[in-house]
PDB file of N, CA and C in Angstrom:
ATOM      1  N   UNK A   1      78.362  76.053 -84.892  1.00  0.00           N
ATOM      2  CA  UNK A   1      79.519  75.100 -85.377  1.00  0.00           C
ATOM      3  C   UNK A   1      79.684  75.119 -84.355  1.00  0.00           C
ATOM      4  N   UNK A   2      79.749  73.964 -83.980  1.00  0.00           N
ATOM      5  CA  UNK A   2      80.358  72.649 -82.479  1.00  0.00           C
ATOM      6  C   UNK A   2      81.447  72.187 -82.974  1.00  0.00           C
ATOM      7  N   UNK A   3      82.818  73.062 -82.104  1.00  0.00           N
ATOM      8  CA  UNK A   3      84.113  72.492 -82.260  1.00  0.00           C
ATOM      9  C   UNK A   3      84.058  71.194 -82.248  1.00  0.00           C
ATOM     10  N   UNK A   4      85.232  70.907 -82.845  1.00  0.00           N
ATOM     11  CA  UNK A   4      86.155  69.219 -83.111  1.00  0.00           C
ATOM     12  C   UNK A   4      86.761  69.171 -81.979  1.00  0.00           C
ATOM     13  N   UNK A   5      86.757  68.785 -80.934  1.00  0.00           N
ATOM     14  CA  UNK A   5      88.137  68.972 -79.603  1.00  0.00           C
ATOM     15  C   UNK A   5      89.048  67.634 -80.455  1.00  0.00           C
ATOM     16  N   UNK A   6      90.407  67.665 -80.399  1.00  0.00           N
ATOM     17  CA  UNK A   6      91.383  66.595 -80.504  1.00  0.00           C
ATOM     18  C   UNK A   6      92.437  67.016 -79.581  1.00  0.00           C
ATOM     19  N   UNK A   7      93.517  66.147 -79.466  1.00  0.00           N
ATOM     20  CA  UNK A   7      94.456  65.512 -78.751  1.00  0.00           C
ATOM     21  C   UNK A   7      95.214  65.480 -79.222  1.00  0.00           C
ATOM     22  N   UNK A   8      96.200  65.298 -78.860  1.00  0.00           N
ATOM     23  CA  UNK A   8      97.984  64.824 -78.720  1.00  0.00           C
ATOM     24  C   UNK A   8      98.437  64.022 -78.309  1.00  0.00           C
ATOM     25  N   UNK A   9      99.116  62.712 -78.727  1.00  0.00           N
ATOM     26  CA  UNK A   9      99.494  61.923 -78.204  1.00  0.00           C
ATOM     27  C   UNK A   9     100.904  61.854 -78.538  1.00  0.00           C
ATOM     28  N   UNK A  10     102.188  62.140 -77.551  1.00  0.00           N
ATOM     29  CA  UNK A  10     103.567  62.496 -78.004  1.00  0.00           C
ATOM     30  C   UNK A  10     104.029  61.193 -77.635  1.00  0.00           C
ATOM     31  N   UNK A  11     105.361  60.699 -78.569  1.00  0.00           N
ATOM     32  CA  UNK A  11     105.489  59.307 -78.343  1.00  0.00           C
ATOM     33  C   UNK A  11     104.700  58.352 -78.344  1.00  0.00           C
ATOM     34  N   UNK A  12     104.007  58.076 -79.749  1.00  0.00           N
ATOM     35  CA  UNK A  12     102.766  57.517 -79.981  1.00  0.00           C
ATOM     36  C   UNK A  12     103.224  56.048 -80.499  1.00  0.00           C
ATOM     37  N   UNK A  13     103.402  54.628 -79.872  1.00  0.00           N
ATOM     38  CA  UNK A  13     104.034  53.909 -80.150  1.00  0.00           C
ATOM     39  C   UNK A  13     102.985  53.637 -82.067  1.00  0.00           C
ATOM     40  N   UNK A  14     102.158  53.587 -82.086  1.00  0.00           N
ATOM     41  CA  UNK A  14     101.581  53.511 -83.282  1.00  0.00           C
ATOM     42  C   UNK A  14     101.884  54.733 -84.528  1.00  0.00           C
ATOM     43  N   UNK A  15     102.556  55.842 -83.960  1.00  0.00           N
ATOM     44  CA  UNK A  15     103.158  56.479 -84.454  1.00  0.00           C
ATOM     45  C   UNK A  15     104.511  56.328 -85.200  1.00  0.00           C
ATOM     46  N   UNK A  16     105.062  55.598 -83.989  1.00  0.00           N
ATOM     47  CA  UNK A  16     106.759  55.026 -84.151  1.00  0.00           C
ATOM     48  C   UNK A  16     106.624  53.707 -85.413  1.00  0.00           C
ATOM     49  N   UNK A  17     105.190  53.032 -85.094  1.00  0.00           N
ATOM     50  CA  UNK A  17     105.792  52.210 -86.534  1.00  0.00           C
ATOM     51  C   UNK A  17     105.542  52.844 -87.782  1.00  0.00           C
ATOM     52  N   UNK A  18     104.655  53.607 -88.179  1.00  0.00           N
ATOM     53  CA  UNK A  18     104.399  54.860 -88.928  1.00  0.00           C
ATOM     54  C   UNK A  18     106.094  55.333 -89.696  1.00  0.00           C
ATOM     55  N   UNK A  19     106.818  55.658 -88.402  1.00  0.00           N
ATOM     56  CA  UNK A  19     107.549  56.436 -88.771  1.00  0.00           C
ATOM     57  C   UNK A  19     108.793  55.186 -89.365  1.00  0.00           C
ATOM     58  N   UNK A  20     108.974  53.754 -88.780  1.00  0.00           N
ATOM     59  CA  UNK A  20     109.715  52.981 -89.252  1.00  0.00           C
ATOM     60  C   UNK A  20     109.464  52.430 -90.931  1.00  0.00           C
ATOM     61  N   UNK A  21     107.738  52.234 -91.415  1.00  0.00           N
ATOM     62  CA  UNK A  21     107.812  51.851 -92.432  1.00  0.00           C
ATOM     63  C   UNK A  21     107.815  53.260 -93.363  1.00  0.00           C
ATOM     64  N   UNK A  22     107.762  54.255 -93.057  1.00  0.00           N
ATOM     65  CA  UNK A  22     107.908  55.106 -94.006  1.00  0.00           C
ATOM     66  C   UNK A  22     109.476  55.755 -93.935  1.00  0.00           C
ATOM     67  N   UNK A  23     109.970  55.474 -92.763  1.00  0.00           N
ATOM     68  CA  UNK A  23     111.520  55.308 -92.774  1.00  0.00           C
ATOM     69  C   UNK A  23     111.666  57.399 -92.832  1.00  0.00           C
ATOM     70  N   UNK A  24     111.120  57.765 -92.005  1.00  0.00           N
ATOM     71  CA  UNK A  24     110.950  58.894 -91.743  1.00  0.00           C
ATOM     72  C   UNK A  24     111.501  59.290 -89.979  1.00  0.00           C
ATOM     73  N   UNK A  25     112.387  60.566 -89.490  1.00  0.00           N
ATOM     74  CA  UNK A  25     112.543  60.575 -88.696  1.00  0.00           C
ATOM     75  C   UNK A  25     111.102  61.259 -87.628  1.00  0.00           C
ATOM     76  N   UNK A  26     110.205  61.870 -88.578  1.00  0.00           N
ATOM     77  CA  UNK A  26     109.363  62.402 -87.342  1.00  0.00           C
ATOM     78  C   UNK A  26     108.013  61.896 -88.001  1.00  0.00           C
ATOM     79  N   UNK A  27     106.662  61.576 -87.661  1.00  0.00           N
ATOM     80  CA  UNK A  27     105.635  61.619 -88.048  1.00  0.00           C
ATOM     81  C   UNK A  27     104.460  62.258 -86.953  1.00  0.00           C
ATOM     82  N   UNK A  28     103.366  62.383 -88.204  1.00  0.00           N
ATOM     83  CA  UNK A  28     102.473  62.499 -87.287  1.00  0.00           C
ATOM     84  C   UNK A  28     100.806  61.778 -88.042  1.00  0.00           C
ATOM     85  N   UNK A  29     100.082  60.750 -87.095  1.00  0.00           N
ATOM     86  CA  UNK A  29      99.057  60.680 -88.099  1.00  0.00           C
ATOM     87  C   UNK A  29      98.194  60.382 -86.858  1.00  0.00           C
ATOM     88  N   UNK A  30      96.397  60.652 -87.342  1.00  0.00           N
ATOM     89  CA  UNK A  30      95.246  60.655 -86.921  1.00  0.00           C
ATOM     90  C   UNK A  30      94.850  59.505 -86.768  1.00  0.00           C
ATOM     91  N   UNK A  31      93.832  58.695 -85.517  1.00  0.00           N
ATOM     92  CA  UNK A  31      93.009  58.297 -85.380  1.00  0.00           C
ATOM     93  C   UNK A  31      92.440  58.799 -84.557  1.00  0.00           C
ATOM     94  N   UNK A  32      90.780  58.865 -85.467  1.00  0.00           N
ATOM     95  CA  UNK A  32      89.707  59.808 -85.020  1.00  0.00           C
ATOM     96  C   UNK A  32      89.871  60.978 -84.814  1.00  0.00           C
ATOM     97  N   UNK A  33      89.625  61.054 -83.296  1.00  0.00           N
ATOM     98  CA  UNK A  33      90.466  62.701 -82.995  1.00  0.00           C
ATOM     99  C   UNK A  33      91.570  63.171 -82.088  1.00  0.00           C
ATOM    100  N   UNK A  34      92.426  62.109 -82.565  1.00  0.00           N
ATOM    101  CA  UNK A  34      93.727  61.955 -81.547  1.00  0.00           C
ATOM    102  C   UNK A  34      95.118  61.604 -82.654  1.00  0.00           C
ATOM    103  N   UNK A  35      95.914  63.480 -82.785  1.00  0.00           N
ATOM    104  CA  UNK A  35      97.112  63.127 -83.138  1.00  0.00           C
ATOM    105  C   UNK A  35      98.119  62.755 -82.793  1.00  0.00           C
ATOM    106  N   UNK A  36      98.426  61.604 -83.091  1.00  0.00           N
ATOM    107  CA  UNK A  36      99.426  60.690 -82.405  1.00  0.00           C
ATOM    108  C   UNK A  36     100.743  61.653 -83.238  1.00  0.00           C
ATOM    109  N   UNK A  37     101.663  61.197 -82.218  1.00  0.00           N
ATOM    110  CA  UNK A  37     103.132  62.167 -82.439  1.00  0.00           C
ATOM    111  C   UNK A  37     104.438  61.295 -82.671  1.00  0.00           C
ATOM    112  N   UNK A  38     105.623  60.921 -83.366  1.00  0.00           N
ATOM    113  CA  UNK A  38     106.985  60.177 -82.880  1.00  0.00           C
ATOM    114  C   UNK A  38     107.697  60.816 -83.718  1.00  0.00           C
ATOM    115  N   UNK A  39     108.867  61.375 -82.897  1.00  0.00           N
ATOM    116  CA  UNK A  39     109.937  62.445 -83.102  1.00  0.00           C
ATOM    117  C   UNK A  39     110.043  63.474 -82.732  1.00  0.00           C
ATOM    118  N   UNK A  40     108.774  64.248 -83.149  1.00  0.00           N
ATOM    119  CA  UNK A  40     108.568  65.322 -82.320  1.00  0.00           C
ATOM    120  C   UNK A  40     107.567  65.990 -81.405  1.00  0.00           C
ATOM    121  N   UNK A  41     108.043  66.853 -80.301  1.00  0.00           N
ATOM    122  CA  UNK A  41     107.270  67.526 -79.620  1.00  0.00           C
ATOM    123  C   UNK A  41     106.348  67.766 -80.063  1.00  0.00           C
ATOM    124  N   UNK A  42     104.852  68.190 -78.390  1.00  0.00           N
ATOM    125  CA  UNK A  42     103.737  68.780 -78.955  1.00  0.00           C
ATOM    126  C   UNK A  42     104.057  69.775 -79.692  1.00  0.00           C
ATOM    127  N   UNK A  43     105.460  71.190 -78.611  1.00  0.00           N
ATOM    128  CA  UNK A  43     105.707  72.594 -79.326  1.00  0.00           C
ATOM    129  C   UNK A  43     106.094  72.181 -80.611  1.00  0.00           C
ATOM    130  N   UNK A  44     107.332  71.393 -81.059  1.00  0.00           N
ATOM    131  CA  UNK A  44     107.259  71.223 -82.428  1.00  0.00           C
ATOM    132  C   UNK A  44     106.465  70.923 -83.443  1.00  0.00           C
ATOM    133  N   UNK A  45     105.321  70.334 -83.087  1.00  0.00           N
ATOM    134  CA  UNK A  45     104.007  70.336 -84.332  1.00  0.00           C
ATOM    135  C   UNK A  45     103.349  71.690 -84.043  1.00  0.00           C
ATOM    136  N   UNK A  46     103.218  72.054 -82.656  1.00  0.00           N
ATOM    137  CA  UNK A  46     102.443  72.873 -83.474  1.00  0.00           C
ATOM    138  C   UNK A  46     103.019  74.112 -83.756  1.00  0.00           C
ATOM    139  N   UNK A  47     103.966  74.376 -83.562  1.00  0.00           N
ATOM    140  CA  UNK A  47     104.829  75.700 -84.240  1.00  0.00           C
ATOM    141  C   UNK A  47     104.807  75.349 -85.585  1.00  0.00           C
ATOM    142  N   UNK A  48     104.191  73.782 -86.336  1.00  0.00           N
ATOM    143  CA  UNK A  48     104.422  74.371 -88.052  1.00  0.00           C
ATOM    144  C   UNK A  48     103.159  74.303 -87.981  1.00  0.00           C
ATOM    145  N   UNK A  49     102.504  75.432 -88.853  1.00  0.00           N
ATOM    146  CA  UNK A  49     101.416  75.284 -89.043  1.00  0.00           C
ATOM    147  C   UNK A  49     100.853  74.725 -89.676  1.00  0.00           C
ATOM    148  N   UNK A  50     101.681  74.672 -91.401  1.00  0.00           N
ATOM    149  CA  UNK A  50     101.143  74.004 -92.549  1.00  0.00           C
ATOM    150  C   UNK A  50     100.476  72.239 -91.661  1.00  0.00           C
ATOM    151  N   UNK A  51     101.685  71.652 -91.048  1.00  0.00           N
ATOM    152  CA  UNK A  51     101.796  70.352 -90.460  1.00  0.00           C
ATOM    153  C   UNK A  51     100.199  70.522 -89.576  1.00  0.00           C
ATOM    154  N   UNK A  52     100.261  71.563 -88.530  1.00  0.00           N
ATOM    155  CA  UNK A  52      98.898  70.882 -88.308  1.00  0.00           C
ATOM    156  C   UNK A  52      97.533  71.131 -88.657  1.00  0.00           C
ATOM    157  N   UNK A  53      97.615  72.275 -90.281  1.00  0.00           N
ATOM    158  CA  UNK A  53      96.534  71.821 -90.990  1.00  0.00           C
ATOM    159  C   UNK A  53      96.488  70.535 -91.647  1.00  0.00           C
ATOM    160  N   UNK A  54      97.543  69.836 -92.181  1.00  0.00           N
ATOM    161  CA  UNK A  54      97.548  68.684 -92.636  1.00  0.00           C
ATOM    162  C   UNK A  54      96.380  67.683 -91.790  1.00  0.00           C
ATOM    163  N   UNK A  55      97.224  67.917 -90.666  1.00  0.00           N
ATOM    164  CA  UNK A  55      96.615  66.478 -89.819  1.00  0.00           C
ATOM    165  C   UNK A  55      95.151  67.188 -89.347  1.00  0.00           C
ATOM    166  N   UNK A  56      94.794  68.460 -89.184  1.00  0.00           N
ATOM    167  CA  UNK A  56      93.500  69.022 -88.885  1.00  0.00           C
ATOM    168  C   UNK A  56      92.437  68.660 -89.686  1.00  0.00           C
ATOM    169  N   UNK A  57      93.425  67.918 -91.543  1.00  0.00           N
ATOM    170  CA  UNK A  57      92.114  68.254 -92.032  1.00  0.00           C
ATOM    171  C   UNK A  57      91.704  66.540 -92.025  1.00  0.00           C
ATOM    172  N   UNK A  58      92.771  65.563 -91.627  1.00  0.00           N
ATOM    173  CA  UNK A  58      92.620  64.350 -91.540  1.00  0.00           C
ATOM    174  C   UNK A  58      91.528  64.278 -90.328  1.00  0.00           C
ATOM    175  N   UNK A  59      91.697  64.736 -89.434  1.00  0.00           N
ATOM    176  CA  UNK A  59      90.150  65.020 -88.430  1.00  0.00           C
ATOM    177  C   UNK A  59      89.160  64.992 -89.035  1.00  0.00           C
ATOM    178  N   UNK A  60      89.153  65.956 -90.097  1.00  0.00           N
ATOM    179  CA  UNK A  60      87.420  66.379 -90.261  1.00  0.00           C
ATOM    180  C   UNK A  60      87.450  65.115 -91.282  1.00  0.00           C
ATOM    181  N   UNK A  61      88.507  64.516 -92.284  1.00  0.00           N
ATOM    182  CA  UNK A  61      87.949  63.507 -92.868  1.00  0.00           C
ATOM    183  C   UNK A  61      87.508  62.550 -91.883  1.00  0.00           C
ATOM    184  N   UNK A  62      87.847  61.788 -90.461  1.00  0.00           N
ATOM    185  CA  UNK A  62      87.459  61.248 -89.631  1.00  0.00           C
ATOM    186  C   UNK A  62      86.283  61.028 -89.096  1.00  0.00           C
ATOM    187  N   UNK A  63      85.658  62.652 -88.941  1.00  0.00           N
ATOM    188  CA  UNK A  63      84.041  63.180 -88.742  1.00  0.00           C
ATOM    189  C   UNK A  63      83.404  62.630 -89.967  1.00  0.00           C
ATOM    190  N   UNK A  64      84.188  63.095 -90.782  1.00  0.00           N
ATOM    191  CA  UNK A  64      83.103  63.348 -92.228  1.00  0.00           C
ATOM    192  C   UNK A  64      82.990  61.621 -92.554  1.00  0.00           C
ATOM    193  N   UNK A  65      83.652  60.642 -92.726  1.00  0.00           N
ATOM    194  CA  UNK A  65      83.508  59.460 -93.180  1.00  0.00           C
ATOM    195  C   UNK A  65      83.009  58.437 -92.081  1.00  0.00           C
ATOM    196  N   UNK A  66      83.595  58.362 -90.445  1.00  0.00           N
ATOM    197  CA  UNK A  66      83.571  58.030 -89.766  1.00  0.00           C
ATOM    198  C   UNK A  66      84.971  57.160 -89.825  1.00  0.00           C
ATOM    199  N   UNK A  67      84.856  56.343 -88.128  1.00  0.00           N
ATOM    200  CA  UNK A  67      86.243  55.436 -88.018  1.00  0.00           C
ATOM    201  C   UNK A  67      86.664  54.507 -89.153  1.00  0.00           C
ATOM    202  N   UNK A  68      85.727  53.742 -89.182  1.00  0.00           N
ATOM    203  CA  UNK A  68      85.549  52.571 -90.051  1.00  0.00           C
ATOM    204  C   UNK A  68      85.928  53.717 -91.775  1.00  0.00           C
ATOM    205  N   UNK A  69      84.632  53.935 -91.781  1.00  0.00           N
ATOM    206  CA  UNK A  69      85.050  54.820 -93.343  1.00  0.00           C
ATOM    207  C   UNK A  69      85.978  55.194 -93.772  1.00  0.00           C
ATOM    208  N   UNK A  70      86.452  55.959 -93.111  1.00  0.00           N
ATOM    209  CA  UNK A  70      87.857  56.745 -93.016  1.00  0.00           C
ATOM    210  C   UNK A  70      88.829  55.596 -93.269  1.00  0.00           C
ATOM    211  N   UNK A  71      88.820  55.009 -92.614  1.00  0.00           N
ATOM    212  CA  UNK A  71      90.169  53.628 -92.754  1.00  0.00           C
ATOM    213  C   UNK A  71      90.085  52.726 -94.028  1.00  0.00           C
ATOM    214  N   UNK A  72      88.566  52.401 -94.361  1.00  0.00           N
ATOM    215  CA  UNK A  72      88.409  51.518 -95.758  1.00  0.00           C
ATOM    216  C   UNK A  72      89.290  52.331 -96.493  1.00  0.00           C
ATOM    217  N   UNK A  73      88.509  53.928 -96.801  1.00  0.00           N
ATOM    218  CA  UNK A  73      88.883  54.678 -98.325  1.00  0.00           C
ATOM    219  C   UNK A  73      90.244  54.514 -97.942  1.00  0.00           C
ATOM    220  N   UNK A  74      91.298  55.231 -96.835  1.00  0.00           N
ATOM    221  CA  UNK A  74      92.153  55.384 -96.396  1.00  0.00           C
ATOM    222  C   UNK A  74      93.096  54.122 -97.412  1.00  0.00           C
ATOM    223  N   UNK A  75      92.723  52.764 -96.376  1.00  0.00           N
ATOM    224  CA  UNK A  75      93.325  51.970 -96.844  1.00  0.00           C
ATOM    225  C   UNK A  75      93.598  51.745 -98.236  1.00  0.00           C
ATOM    226  N   UNK A  76      91.913  51.204 -99.041  1.00  0.00           N
ATOM    227  CA  UNK A  76      91.588  50.995-100.407  1.00  0.00           C
ATOM    228  C   UNK A  76      92.528  52.284-101.384  1.00  0.00           C
ATOM    229  N   UNK A  77      92.334  53.570-101.224  1.00  0.00           N
ATOM    230  CA  UNK A  77      93.403  54.820-101.745  1.00  0.00           C
ATOM    231  C   UNK A  77      94.562  54.363-101.604  1.00  0.00           C
ATOM    232  N   UNK A  78      95.139  54.283-100.892  1.00  0.00           N
ATOM    233  CA  UNK A  78      96.948  54.060-100.490  1.00  0.00           C
ATOM    234  C   UNK A  78      97.086  52.466-101.653  1.00  0.00           C
ATOM    235  N   UNK A  79      96.231  51.186-101.321  1.00  0.00           N
ATOM    236  CA  UNK A  79      96.680  50.297-102.210  1.00  0.00           C
ATOM    237  C   UNK A  79      96.615  50.942-103.724  1.00  0.00           C
ATOM    238  N   UNK A  80      95.170  51.567-104.098  1.00  0.00           N
ATOM    239  CA  UNK A  80      95.001  51.626-105.562  1.00  0.00           C
ATOM    240  C   UNK A  80      96.072  52.838-106.337  1.00  0.00           C
ATOM    241  N   UNK A  81      96.481  53.751-105.377  1.00  0.00           N
ATOM    242  CA  UNK A  81      97.379  54.606-106.110  1.00  0.00           C
ATOM    243  C   UNK A  81      98.662  55.596-105.251  1.00  0.00           C
ATOM    244  N   UNK A  82      99.014  54.388-104.076  1.00  0.00           N
ATOM    245  CA  UNK A  82      99.840  55.051-103.280  1.00  0.00           C
ATOM    246  C   UNK A  82      99.527  56.204-102.536  1.00  0.00           C
ATOM    247  N   UNK A  83     101.081  56.043-101.461  1.00  0.00           N
ATOM    248  CA  UNK A  83     100.306  57.078-100.154  1.00  0.00           C
ATOM    249  C   UNK A  83     100.358  58.455-101.125  1.00  0.00           C
ATOM    250  N   UNK A  84     101.542  58.714-101.740  1.00  0.00           N
ATOM    251  CA  UNK A  84     101.414  60.300-102.657  1.00  0.00           C
ATOM    252  C   UNK A  84     100.256  60.806-103.093  1.00  0.00           C
ATOM    253  N   UNK A  85      99.497  59.797-103.780  1.00  0.00           N
ATOM    254  CA  UNK A  85      98.517  59.955-104.597  1.00  0.00           C
ATOM    255  C   UNK A  85      97.247  59.511-104.145  1.00  0.00           C
ATOM    256  N   UNK A  86      97.117  59.027-102.783  1.00  0.00           N
ATOM    257  CA  UNK A  86      95.585  58.864-102.107  1.00  0.00           C
ATOM    258  C   UNK A  86      95.344  60.060-101.982  1.00  0.00           C
ATOM    259  N   UNK A  87      93.672  60.039-102.555  1.00  0.00           N
ATOM    260  CA  UNK A  87      92.996  61.454-102.160  1.00  0.00           C
ATOM    261  C   UNK A  87      92.692  62.021-101.421  1.00  0.00           C
ATOM    262  N   UNK A  88      92.427  61.582-100.303  1.00  0.00           N
ATOM    263  CA  UNK A  88      92.925  62.019 -98.874  1.00  0.00           C
ATOM    264  C   UNK A  88      93.880  62.756 -98.177  1.00  0.00           C
ATOM    265  N   UNK A  89      94.354  62.309 -99.208  1.00  0.00           N
ATOM    266  CA  UNK A  89      96.409  62.575 -98.378  1.00  0.00           C
ATOM    267  C   UNK A  89      96.544  64.377 -99.601  1.00  0.00           C
ATOM    268  N   UNK A  90      96.084  64.069-100.499  1.00  0.00           N
ATOM    269  CA  UNK A  90      96.400  64.925-101.334  1.00  0.00           C
ATOM    270  C   UNK A  90      95.397  66.004-101.091  1.00  0.00           C
ATOM    271  N   UNK A  91      94.075  65.836-100.802  1.00  0.00           N
ATOM    272  CA  UNK A  91      93.462  66.940-100.360  1.00  0.00           C
ATOM    273  C   UNK A  91      94.001  67.591 -98.590  1.00  0.00           C
ATOM    274  N   UNK A  92      95.003  67.109 -97.406  1.00  0.00           N
ATOM    275  CA  UNK A  92      95.339  66.894 -96.753  1.00  0.00           C
ATOM    276  C   UNK A  92      96.421  67.758 -96.687  1.00  0.00           C
ATOM    277  N   UNK A  93      97.408  67.810 -98.265  1.00  0.00           N
ATOM    278  CA  UNK A  93      98.388  68.171 -98.300  1.00  0.00           C
ATOM    279  C   UNK A  93      98.070  70.026 -99.020  1.00  0.00           C
ATOM    280  N   UNK A  94      96.653  70.134 -99.842  1.00  0.00           N
ATOM    281  CA  UNK A  94      96.366  71.273-100.246  1.00  0.00           C
ATOM    282  C   UNK A  94      95.752  71.790 -98.893  1.00  0.00           C
ATOM    283  N   UNK A  95      94.996  71.421 -97.830  1.00  0.00           N
ATOM    284  CA  UNK A  95      94.932  72.318 -96.546  1.00  0.00           C
ATOM    285  C   UNK A  95      96.015  72.926 -95.707  1.00  0.00           C
ATOM    286  N   UNK A  96      97.480  72.542 -96.130  1.00  0.00           N
ATOM    287  CA  UNK A  96      98.467  72.323 -95.403  1.00  0.00           C
ATOM    288  C   UNK A  96      98.297  74.490 -95.985  1.00  0.00           C
ATOM    289  N   UNK A  97      98.211  75.464 -97.116  1.00  0.00           N
ATOM    290  CA  UNK A  97      97.594  76.030 -97.095  1.00  0.00           C
ATOM    291  C   UNK A  97      96.398  77.160 -96.562  1.00  0.00           C
ATOM    292  N   UNK A  98      95.582  76.290 -96.505  1.00  0.00           N
ATOM    293  CA  UNK A  98      94.022  76.825 -96.065  1.00  0.00           C
ATOM    294  C   UNK A  98      94.180  77.598 -94.689  1.00  0.00           C
ATOM    295  N   UNK A  99      93.950  79.055 -94.388  1.00  0.00           N
ATOM    296  CA  UNK A  99      94.559  79.554 -93.301  1.00  0.00           C
ATOM    297  C   UNK A  99      93.016  79.427 -92.467  1.00  0.00           C
ATOM    298  N   UNK A 100      91.651  78.781 -93.541  1.00  0.00           N
ATOM    299  CA  UNK A 100      90.688  78.645 -92.761  1.00  0.00           C
ATOM    300  C   UNK A 100      90.332  77.307 -91.978  1.00  0.00           C
ATOM    301  N   UNK A 101      91.082  76.016 -92.431  1.00  0.00           N
ATOM    302  CA  UNK A 101      91.234  74.540 -92.219  1.00  0.00           C
ATOM    303  C   UNK A 101      91.262  74.539 -90.646  1.00  0.00           C
ATOM    304  N   UNK A 102      91.781  75.446 -89.743  1.00  0.00           N
ATOM    305  CA  UNK A 102      92.006  75.374 -88.233  1.00  0.00           C
ATOM    306  C   UNK A 102      90.706  76.122 -87.208  1.00  0.00           C
ATOM    307  N   UNK A 103      89.875  76.472 -88.072  1.00  0.00           N
ATOM    308  CA  UNK A 103      88.668  76.815 -87.793  1.00  0.00           C
ATOM    309  C   UNK A 103      87.244  76.039 -87.035  1.00  0.00           C
ATOM    310  N   UNK A 104      87.106  76.165 -86.306  1.00  0.00           N
ATOM    311  CA  UNK A 104      86.565  74.903 -85.962  1.00  0.00           C
ATOM    312  C   UNK A 104      87.078  73.554 -84.748  1.00  0.00           C
ATOM    313  N   UNK A 105      88.427  73.895 -84.851  1.00  0.00           N
ATOM    314  CA  UNK A 105      89.151  72.375 -84.817  1.00  0.00           C
ATOM    315  C   UNK A 105      89.746  73.238 -82.997  1.00  0.00           C
ATOM    316  N   UNK A 106      89.488  72.270 -81.887  1.00  0.00           N
ATOM    317  CA  UNK A 106      90.508  73.184 -81.094  1.00  0.00           C
ATOM    318  C   UNK A 106      91.484  71.735 -80.169  1.00  0.00           C
ATOM    319  N   UNK A 107      92.158  72.037 -80.260  1.00  0.00           N
ATOM    320  CA  UNK A 107      93.497  70.912 -80.002  1.00  0.00           C
ATOM    321  C   UNK A 107      93.649  71.471 -78.314  1.00  0.00           C
ATOM    322  N   UNK A 108      92.989  70.015 -77.555  1.00  0.00           N
ATOM    323  CA  UNK A 108      93.342  70.495 -76.490  1.00  0.00           C
ATOM    324  C   UNK A 108      94.489  69.354 -75.391  1.00  0.00           C
TER     325      UNK A 108
END
């Protein structure tokens, strides 16, 4: 199985916008294979295994659907069911407890 290599972008402008929209202090968001952080350091993020698994799930979803496919699904499902009930977010929250979620994921 080929490893999925992802990187972390700290103090991301995109994540900053997401934090303001969501009215939260810290946020992580994924675009493709990049995890964008705002309000948290790389070490803080990596120390929170549930958070890492959640974002790794989104990396896998991007791989499954492709960039356009994921974004189209995410936006449609968020508009239809809201952020919390978006099936992609439901799956990512479930992945937080899955010890196998990080298999095949390499964060560089």
